[in-house]
Protein backbone atom coordinates (compact mmCIF):
# COMPACT_ATOMS: atom_id res chain seq x y z
CA MET A 1 0.00 0.00 0.00
CA ALA A 2 1.35 3.38 -0.91
CA GLY A 3 -0.23 6.75 -0.40
CA GLY A 4 -0.14 10.03 1.39
CA CYS A 5 -1.48 11.60 4.51
CA CYS A 6 -3.20 14.82 5.41
CA GLY A 7 -1.30 17.66 3.79
CA THR A 8 -0.01 15.51 0.92
CA THR A 9 -0.35 17.35 -2.36
CA PRO A 10 -1.79 15.89 -5.58
CA ASP A 11 1.65 16.23 -7.19
CA HIS A 12 3.16 14.09 -4.45
CA ILE A 13 0.48 11.39 -4.89
CA ARG A 14 1.12 11.39 -8.67
CA ALA A 15 4.86 10.95 -8.00
CA ILE A 16 4.20 8.01 -5.65
CA ALA A 17 1.82 6.42 -8.18
CA ALA A 18 4.43 6.75 -10.94
CA ALA A 19 7.17 5.28 -8.71
CA VAL A 20 5.18 2.13 -7.84
CA LYS A 21 3.40 1.67 -11.18
CA SER A 22 5.58 -1.29 -12.20
CA VAL A 23 5.57 -2.94 -8.76
CA ALA A 24 3.16 -5.88 -8.43
CA PRO A 25 1.25 -6.36 -5.20
CA ARG A 26 2.53 -9.15 -3.01
CA PRO A 27 0.79 -12.49 -3.48
CA VAL A 28 -1.60 -13.49 -0.74
CA PRO A 29 -0.04 -16.47 1.08
CA PRO A 30 -2.10 -19.66 1.26
CA ALA A 31 -3.97 -20.16 4.51
CA ASP A 32 -2.63 -22.80 6.88
CA HIS A 33 -5.70 -24.38 8.39
CA LYS A 34 -5.21 -24.38 12.14
CA LEU A 35 -7.45 -23.69 15.08
CA ARG A 36 -5.83 -20.65 16.61
CA LEU A 37 -6.62 -19.99 20.25
CA SER A 38 -4.91 -17.83 22.82
CA GLY A 39 -4.75 -16.53 26.30
CA LEU A 40 -1.78 -14.23 26.62
CA GLU A 41 0.16 -16.75 24.52
CA PRO A 42 -0.90 -18.34 21.21
CA MET A 43 -2.04 -21.95 20.91
CA ASN A 44 -2.35 -23.55 17.47
CA ILE A 45 -4.14 -26.86 16.95
CA ASP A 46 -3.86 -28.70 13.63
CA ASP A 47 -3.71 -32.22 12.23
CA ALA A 48 -0.29 -32.72 13.81
CA SER A 49 -1.65 -31.97 17.31
CA LEU A 50 -2.07 -35.37 18.89
CA PHE A 51 -3.67 -34.33 22.18
CA VAL A 52 -4.87 -31.15 23.84
CA ASN A 53 -4.81 -31.26 27.63
CA VAL A 54 -7.85 -29.35 28.99
CA GLY A 55 -7.79 -28.70 32.73
CA GLU A 56 -11.28 -29.58 34.03
CA ARG A 57 -10.80 -28.94 37.75
CA THR A 58 -12.17 -25.38 37.56
CA ASN A 59 -15.61 -26.81 36.93
CA VAL A 60 -18.18 -26.72 39.76
CA THR A 61 -20.12 -29.63 38.24
CA GLY A 62 -17.03 -31.82 37.89
CA SER A 63 -15.05 -31.03 41.03
CA LYS A 64 -16.61 -31.08 44.49
CA ALA A 65 -13.55 -29.42 45.99
CA PHE A 66 -13.68 -26.55 43.48
CA ALA A 67 -17.46 -26.20 43.92
CA ARG A 68 -16.99 -25.94 47.69
CA LEU A 69 -14.40 -23.17 47.27
CA ILE A 70 -16.65 -21.16 44.94
CA LEU A 71 -19.80 -21.67 47.03
CA ASN A 72 -17.87 -20.47 50.11
CA GLY A 73 -16.55 -17.42 48.24
CA GLN A 74 -12.94 -18.63 48.46
CA TYR A 75 -11.90 -17.31 45.05
CA ASP A 76 -8.23 -16.88 45.94
CA GLU A 77 -8.05 -20.58 46.82
CA ALA A 78 -9.97 -21.40 43.62
CA LEU A 79 -7.27 -19.52 41.66
CA VAL A 80 -4.71 -21.93 43.15
CA VAL A 81 -6.63 -24.79 41.48
CA ALA A 82 -6.42 -23.02 38.10
CA ARG A 83 -2.73 -22.24 38.59
CA GLN A 84 -1.93 -25.85 39.52
CA GLN A 85 -3.64 -27.10 36.36
CA VAL A 86 -1.50 -24.85 34.16
CA GLU A 87 1.67 -25.71 36.08
CA ASN A 88 0.85 -29.42 35.65
CA GLY A 89 0.52 -29.15 31.88
CA ALA A 90 -3.02 -28.03 31.05
CA GLN A 91 -2.95 -26.29 27.67
CA MET A 92 -6.30 -24.60 28.35
CA ILE A 93 -8.62 -24.48 31.34
CA ASP A 94 -12.34 -25.18 31.36
CA VAL A 95 -14.32 -22.89 33.67
CA ASN A 96 -17.89 -23.87 34.56
CA MET A 97 -20.05 -22.17 37.20
CA ASP A 98 -23.41 -23.89 36.47
CA GLU A 99 -24.57 -24.83 39.96
CA ALA A 100 -28.11 -24.43 41.34
CA MET A 101 -26.99 -22.72 44.58
CA LEU A 102 -24.79 -20.22 42.76
CA ASP A 103 -25.30 -16.99 40.82
CA SER A 104 -23.49 -18.51 37.83
CA ARG A 105 -23.11 -15.25 35.92
CA ALA A 106 -21.62 -13.35 38.87
CA ALA A 107 -19.33 -16.26 39.78
CA MET A 108 -18.08 -16.60 36.18
CA VAL A 109 -17.37 -12.86 35.92
CA ARG A 110 -15.57 -12.75 39.27
CA PHE A 111 -13.44 -15.82 38.63
CA LEU A 112 -12.49 -14.92 35.04
CA THR A 113 -11.64 -11.38 36.11
CA LEU A 114 -9.30 -12.79 38.75
CA ILE A 115 -7.75 -15.18 36.20
CA ALA A 116 -7.13 -12.25 33.83
CA SER A 117 -5.00 -10.59 36.50
CA GLU A 118 -2.79 -13.67 36.86
CA PRO A 119 -0.42 -13.95 33.86
CA ASP A 120 0.78 -17.42 34.85
CA ILE A 121 -2.82 -18.66 34.49
CA SER A 122 -4.18 -16.38 31.75
CA ARG A 123 -1.34 -17.31 29.38
CA VAL A 124 -3.43 -20.34 28.31
CA PRO A 125 -6.78 -20.15 26.50
CA ILE A 126 -9.97 -20.27 28.56
CA MET A 127 -12.86 -22.61 27.75
CA ILE A 128 -16.08 -20.97 28.97
CA ASP A 129 -18.35 -23.88 29.82
CA SER A 130 -22.03 -23.17 30.45
CA SER A 131 -25.48 -24.06 29.20
CA LYS A 132 -26.69 -20.53 29.97
CA TRP A 133 -26.28 -17.83 27.30
CA GLU A 134 -26.08 -15.01 29.81
CA VAL A 135 -23.18 -16.74 31.57
CA ILE A 136 -21.37 -17.33 28.28
CA GLU A 137 -21.85 -13.72 27.16
CA ALA A 138 -20.66 -12.37 30.51
CA GLY A 139 -17.64 -14.69 30.42
CA LEU A 140 -16.65 -13.63 26.90
CA LYS A 141 -16.43 -10.04 28.11
CA CYS A 142 -13.87 -11.04 30.76
CA VAL A 143 -11.32 -13.10 28.86
CA GLN A 144 -8.30 -12.05 26.86
CA GLY A 145 -7.26 -13.62 23.59
CA LYS A 146 -9.30 -16.21 21.71
CA PRO A 147 -11.39 -18.44 23.99
CA VAL A 148 -13.50 -21.55 23.40
CA VAL A 149 -17.20 -21.68 24.27
CA ASN A 150 -18.30 -25.13 25.40
CA SER A 151 -21.53 -26.91 26.34
CA ILE A 152 -24.00 -24.82 24.41
CA SER A 153 -27.19 -26.86 24.33
CA MET A 154 -28.61 -24.78 21.46
CA LYS A 155 -32.03 -24.84 23.14
CA GLU A 156 -32.21 -21.07 22.82
CA ALA A 157 -30.88 -21.19 19.23
CA ARG A 158 -28.83 -18.01 19.52
CA PRO A 159 -25.47 -18.88 17.96
CA SER A 160 -24.97 -15.18 17.20
CA SER A 161 -24.34 -14.80 20.92
CA CYS A 162 -20.99 -16.45 20.28
CA ALA A 163 -20.22 -14.15 17.40
CA ARG A 164 -17.34 -12.50 19.22
CA PRO A 165 -14.64 -12.15 16.59
CA GLY A 166 -12.41 -15.19 16.73
CA CYS A 167 -14.38 -17.12 19.32
CA ALA A 168 -14.16 -20.89 18.85
CA SER A 169 -17.05 -23.09 19.95
CA ALA A 170 -17.75 -26.68 20.88
CA MET A 171 -21.45 -27.43 20.55
CA ALA A 172 -23.50 -30.48 21.42
CA ARG A 173 -26.26 -30.97 18.85
CA ARG A 174 -29.38 -32.82 19.87
């Protein structure tokens, strides 16, 4: 791309046009088909990726210990669970706050906001896991990089809710 800026005269633009007239634009490189995710650091998944380790212990429906921490408001201790998963090799962490005795939206926002302030945790992509659109939407506003949305039941049929640029999704179709 060649051009001028404010204050550039028509004579200058003509001179630039004449100078680059014989120069061909660069060819557009072929796309390499990879799933590109990120936290603070990039994560690329392609056919050569044999296994992706997703840390599931920050899930109130899958971990009684984590659920107890969240239900008791012990978010700093819950962050330790997330940190341990990353330190032990999780390439992304799944966060789920769908529990009947919990304000899932508020818990998701609070926990993801805390994760965002911890670079040793937020360096990996976050998988926002919920069957509730309002929880997913609130979570997407809290994460950095390119997350994954998981466990969308599609009952509400609002896939545009996951239309955040670059958001990946894992959907269960019924």
